[in-house]
Amino acid sequence: MDFLNGRIPAYVETGLNLVHVRDVAVGHHLAYERGKVGEKYILGNQNLSLAALFRLLERLSGRKAPRVKLPYTPVLVLAALEHWRSQLLKAEPVVCLEAVKMAKRLMFFDASKAVTELGLPQTPVEKALIEAVEWYVRHGYVK
């Protein structure tokens, strides 16, 4: 929503695994039906850098992607100060400290075991993002 509403002027590079929410729901059902007791399954799909995700969202939504990549440490310090300020004033932080801490590591995952053993569907991430953008617009979350 922040991206669609133009509230992300810059970013800290990280990596994410994106998966359609319906595939996750189906994956839970498949794990219940076909999963082996004691096994673990990662319900995921495509690994993307945050910059690549923003470029894809730019293409799908028409909203410009942020071009400024900020270094991690100064953003972490800013987020810590913002966390303290928001606690003091009982307000929402502008920069979420936990999100910045999470960005330190690439959150790339391999879902091939769930695909192979469970039959986890792999809806293209582009389709998932199109549906998400349309849903946010339709429900009034995008100004």
C-alpha atoms as a PDB file:
ATOM      1  CA  MET A   1       0.000   0.000   0.000  1.00  0.00           C
ATOM      2  CA  ASP A   2       2.807   2.408   0.825  1.00  0.00           C
ATOM      3  CA  PHE A   3       4.315   1.825  -2.616  1.00  0.00           C
ATOM      4  CA  LEU A   4       0.961   2.305  -4.363  1.00  0.00           C
ATOM      5  CA  ASN A   5       0.336   5.490  -2.408  1.00  0.00           C
ATOM      6  CA  GLY A   6       3.770   6.917  -3.232  1.00  0.00           C
ATOM      7  CA  ARG A   7       5.086   6.770   0.318  1.00  0.00           C
ATOM      8  CA  ILE A   8       8.390   5.004  -0.397  1.00  0.00           C
ATOM      9  CA  PRO A   9      10.902   7.617  -1.566  1.00  0.00           C
ATOM     10  CA  ALA A  10      13.930   5.348  -1.007  1.00  0.00           C
ATOM     11  CA  TYR A  11      14.760   1.827   0.095  1.00  0.00           C
ATOM     12  CA  VAL A  12      17.321  -0.431   1.712  1.00  0.00           C
ATOM     13  CA  GLU A  13      18.215  -3.360  -0.509  1.00  0.00           C
ATOM     14  CA  THR A  14      17.027  -6.764   0.621  1.00  0.00           C
ATOM     15  CA  GLY A  15      15.512  -9.848  -0.915  1.00  0.00           C
ATOM     16  CA  LEU A  16      12.111 -11.432  -0.520  1.00  0.00           C
ATOM     17  CA  ASN A  17      10.353 -14.623  -1.532  1.00  0.00           C
ATOM     18  CA  LEU A  18       6.974 -13.845  -3.051  1.00  0.00           C
ATOM     19  CA  VAL A  19       4.087 -16.281  -3.372  1.00  0.00           C
ATOM     20  CA  HIS A  20       0.393 -15.897  -4.192  1.00  0.00           C
ATOM     21  CA  VAL A  21      -1.723 -16.079  -1.035  1.00  0.00           C
ATOM     22  CA  ARG A  22      -3.999 -18.660  -2.693  1.00  0.00           C
ATOM     23  CA  ASP A  23      -0.980 -20.894  -3.305  1.00  0.00           C
ATOM     24  CA  VAL A  24      -0.144 -20.659   0.408  1.00  0.00           C
ATOM     25  CA  ALA A  25      -3.712 -21.631   1.344  1.00  0.00           C
ATOM     26  CA  VAL A  26      -3.621 -24.565  -1.086  1.00  0.00           C
ATOM     27  CA  GLY A  27      -0.175 -25.492   0.234  1.00  0.00           C
ATOM     28  CA  HIS A  28      -1.500 -25.782   3.791  1.00  0.00           C
ATOM     29  CA  HIS A  29      -4.246 -28.103   2.588  1.00  0.00           C
ATOM     30  CA  LEU A  30      -1.761 -30.127   0.531  1.00  0.00           C
ATOM     31  CA  ALA A  31       0.571 -30.438   3.534  1.00  0.00           C
ATOM     32  CA  TYR A  32      -2.344 -31.749   5.589  1.00  0.00           C
ATOM     33  CA  GLU A  33      -3.293 -34.262   2.883  1.00  0.00           C
ATOM     34  CA  ARG A  34       0.113 -35.314   1.495  1.00  0.00           C
ATOM     35  CA  GLY A  35       2.748 -34.100   3.896  1.00  0.00           C
ATOM     36  CA  LYS A  36       4.886 -36.509   5.858  1.00  0.00           C
ATOM     37  CA  VAL A  37       4.784 -36.334   9.653  1.00  0.00           C
ATOM     38  CA  GLY A  38       7.851 -34.530  10.972  1.00  0.00           C
ATOM     39  CA  GLU A  39       8.715 -32.933   7.617  1.00  0.00           C
ATOM     40  CA  LYS A  40       8.774 -29.195   6.951  1.00  0.00           C
ATOM     41  CA  TYR A  41       7.702 -27.510   3.737  1.00  0.00           C
ATOM     42  CA  ILE A  42       8.442 -23.972   2.582  1.00  0.00           C
ATOM     43  CA  LEU A  43       5.415 -22.492   0.827  1.00  0.00           C
ATOM     44  CA  GLY A  44       7.067 -20.011  -1.489  1.00  0.00           C
ATOM     45  CA  ASN A  45       7.654 -19.153  -5.097  1.00  0.00           C
ATOM     46  CA  GLN A  46       9.985 -16.518  -6.564  1.00  0.00           C
ATOM     47  CA  ASN A  47      12.952 -14.808  -4.930  1.00  0.00           C
ATOM     48  CA  LEU A  48      13.242 -11.121  -5.872  1.00  0.00           C
ATOM     49  CA  SER A  49      15.415  -8.270  -4.719  1.00  0.00           C
ATOM     50  CA  LEU A  50      13.430  -5.343  -3.351  1.00  0.00           C
ATOM     51  CA  ALA A  51      14.640  -3.207  -6.256  1.00  0.00           C
ATOM     52  CA  ALA A  52      13.362  -5.820  -8.741  1.00  0.00           C
ATOM     53  CA  LEU A  53      10.030  -5.980  -6.906  1.00  0.00           C
ATOM     54  CA  PHE A  54       9.674  -2.190  -7.112  1.00  0.00           C
ATOM     55  CA  ARG A  55      10.491  -2.235 -10.854  1.00  0.00           C
ATOM     56  CA  LEU A  56       7.855  -4.926 -11.392  1.00  0.00           C
ATOM     57  CA  LEU A  57       5.283  -2.972  -9.386  1.00  0.00           C
ATOM     58  CA  GLU A  58       6.158   0.149 -11.382  1.00  0.00           C
ATOM     59  CA  ARG A  59       5.424  -1.708 -14.616  1.00  0.00           C
ATOM     60  CA  LEU A  60       2.160  -3.170 -13.282  1.00  0.00           C
ATOM     61  CA  SER A  61       0.783  -0.102 -11.497  1.00  0.00           C
ATOM     62  CA  GLY A  62       2.244   2.882 -13.344  1.00  0.00           C
ATOM     63  CA  ARG A  63       3.540   4.261 -10.018  1.00  0.00           C
ATOM     64  CA  LYS A  64       7.223   5.240 -10.181  1.00  0.00           C
ATOM     65  CA  ALA A  65       9.581   2.961  -8.282  1.00  0.00           C
ATOM     66  CA  PRO A  66      11.989   4.546  -5.808  1.00  0.00           C
ATOM     67  CA  ARG A  67      15.413   4.997  -7.363  1.00  0.00           C
ATOM     68  CA  VAL A  68      17.396   5.895  -4.243  1.00  0.00           C
ATOM     69  CA  LYS A  69      19.031   2.983  -2.436  1.00  0.00           C
ATOM     70  CA  LEU A  70      20.135   3.926   1.077  1.00  0.00           C
ATOM     71  CA  PRO A  71      22.943   2.287   3.072  1.00  0.00           C
ATOM     72  CA  TYR A  72      21.762  -0.020   5.844  1.00  0.00           C
ATOM     73  CA  THR A  73      23.507   1.417   8.935  1.00  0.00           C
ATOM     74  CA  PRO A  74      22.244   5.032   8.749  1.00  0.00           C
ATOM     75  CA  VAL A  75      18.713   3.755   8.107  1.00  0.00           C
ATOM     76  CA  LEU A  76      19.001   1.445  11.119  1.00  0.00           C
ATOM     77  CA  VAL A  77      20.031   4.396  13.306  1.00  0.00           C
ATOM     78  CA  LEU A  78      17.156   6.493  11.921  1.00  0.00           C
ATOM     79  CA  ALA A  79      14.707   3.639  12.545  1.00  0.00           C
ATOM     80  CA  ALA A  80      15.932   3.243  16.139  1.00  0.00           C
ATOM     81  CA  LEU A  81      15.451   6.973  16.763  1.00  0.00           C
ATOM     82  CA  GLU A  82      12.047   6.855  15.108  1.00  0.00           C
ATOM     83  CA  HIS A  83      11.086   3.846  17.256  1.00  0.00           C
ATOM     84  CA  TRP A  84      12.010   5.788  20.393  1.00  0.00           C
ATOM     85  CA  ARG A  85      10.074   8.876  19.194  1.00  0.00           C
ATOM     86  CA  SER A  86       6.973   6.837  18.348  1.00  0.00           C
ATOM     87  CA  GLN A  87       7.030   5.122  21.744  1.00  0.00           C
ATOM     88  CA  LEU A  88       7.349   8.468  23.504  1.00  0.00           C
ATOM     89  CA  LEU A  89       4.542  10.105  21.507  1.00  0.00           C
ATOM     90  CA  LYS A  90       2.400   6.960  21.174  1.00  0.00           C
ATOM     91  CA  ALA A  91       2.397   7.374  17.389  1.00  0.00           C
ATOM     92  CA  GLU A  92       3.050   5.128  14.420  1.00  0.00           C
ATOM     93  CA  PRO A  93       6.730   5.165  13.400  1.00  0.00           C
ATOM     94  CA  VAL A  94       7.569   6.502   9.956  1.00  0.00           C
ATOM     95  CA  VAL A  95      10.311   3.892   9.607  1.00  0.00           C
ATOM     96  CA  CYS A  96       9.705   0.515  11.270  1.00  0.00           C
ATOM     97  CA  LEU A  97      12.729  -0.681  13.242  1.00  0.00           C
ATOM     98  CA  GLU A  98      11.866  -4.375  12.913  1.00  0.00           C
ATOM     99  CA  ALA A  99      11.442  -4.066   9.136  1.00  0.00           C
ATOM    100  CA  VAL A 100      14.874  -2.450   8.847  1.00  0.00           C
ATOM    101  CA  LYS A 101      16.427  -5.173  10.994  1.00  0.00           C
ATOM    102  CA  MET A 102      14.816  -7.838   8.789  1.00  0.00           C
ATOM    103  CA  ALA A 103      16.196  -6.139   5.667  1.00  0.00           C
ATOM    104  CA  LYS A 104      19.730  -6.960   6.820  1.00  0.00           C
ATOM    105  CA  ARG A 105      19.308 -10.510   5.508  1.00  0.00           C
ATOM    106  CA  LEU A 106      18.114 -11.734   2.141  1.00  0.00           C
ATOM    107  CA  MET A 107      14.894 -13.642   2.741  1.00  0.00           C
ATOM    108  CA  PHE A 108      15.312 -15.995  -0.189  1.00  0.00           C
ATOM    109  CA  PHE A 109      13.873 -19.490   0.132  1.00  0.00           C
ATOM    110  CA  ASP A 110      13.685 -22.689  -1.891  1.00  0.00           C
ATOM    111  CA  ALA A 111      10.159 -24.136  -2.136  1.00  0.00           C
ATOM    112  CA  SER A 112      11.104 -26.983  -4.482  1.00  0.00           C
ATOM    113  CA  LYS A 113      10.408 -29.635  -1.833  1.00  0.00           C
ATOM    114  CA  ALA A 114       6.822 -28.392  -1.426  1.00  0.00           C
ATOM    115  CA  VAL A 115       6.415 -28.216  -5.207  1.00  0.00           C
ATOM    116  CA  THR A 116       7.791 -31.727  -5.738  1.00  0.00           C
ATOM    117  CA  GLU A 117       6.363 -33.579  -2.735  1.00  0.00           C
ATOM    118  CA  LEU A 118       3.087 -31.730  -2.200  1.00  0.00           C
ATOM    119  CA  GLY A 119       2.305 -30.351  -5.645  1.00  0.00           C
ATOM    120  CA  LEU A 120       2.391 -26.732  -4.416  1.00  0.00           C
ATOM    121  CA  PRO A 121       1.063 -24.526  -7.218  1.00  0.00           C
ATOM    122  CA  GLN A 122       3.358 -21.790  -8.501  1.00  0.00           C
ATOM    123  CA  THR A 123       1.119 -18.971  -9.709  1.00  0.00           C
ATOM    124  CA  PRO A 124       3.329 -16.419 -11.462  1.00  0.00           C
ATOM    125  CA  VAL A 125       4.313 -13.645  -9.055  1.00  0.00           C
ATOM    126  CA  GLU A 126       3.325 -11.057 -11.659  1.00  0.00           C
ATOM    127  CA  LYS A 127      -0.267 -12.393 -11.583  1.00  0.00           C
ATOM    128  CA  ALA A 128      -0.278 -12.302  -7.773  1.00  0.00           C
ATOM    129  CA  LEU A 129       0.919  -8.692  -7.785  1.00  0.00           C
ATOM    130  CA  ILE A 130      -1.637  -7.637 -10.413  1.00  0.00           C
ATOM    131  CA  GLU A 131      -4.413  -9.146  -8.298  1.00  0.00           C
ATOM    132  CA  ALA A 132      -3.059  -7.495  -5.144  1.00  0.00           C
ATOM    133  CA  VAL A 133      -2.834  -4.060  -6.799  1.00  0.00           C
ATOM    134  CA  GLU A 134      -6.372  -4.423  -8.162  1.00  0.00           C
ATOM    135  CA  TRP A 135      -7.669  -5.509  -4.741  1.00  0.00           C
ATOM    136  CA  TYR A 136      -6.068  -2.551  -2.935  1.00  0.00           C
ATOM    137  CA  VAL A 137      -7.464  -0.116  -5.506  1.00  0.00           C
ATOM    138  CA  ARG A 138     -10.942  -1.689  -5.487  1.00  0.00           C
ATOM    139  CA  HIS A 139     -11.134  -1.582  -1.684  1.00  0.00           C
ATOM    140  CA  GLY A 140     -10.054   2.056  -1.424  1.00  0.00           C
ATOM    141  CA  TYR A 141      -6.582   1.575   0.048  1.00  0.00           C
ATOM    142  CA  VAL A 142      -4.959   3.453  -2.821  1.00  0.00           C
ATOM    143  CA  LYS A 143      -5.586   7.166  -3.132  1.00  0.00           C
END
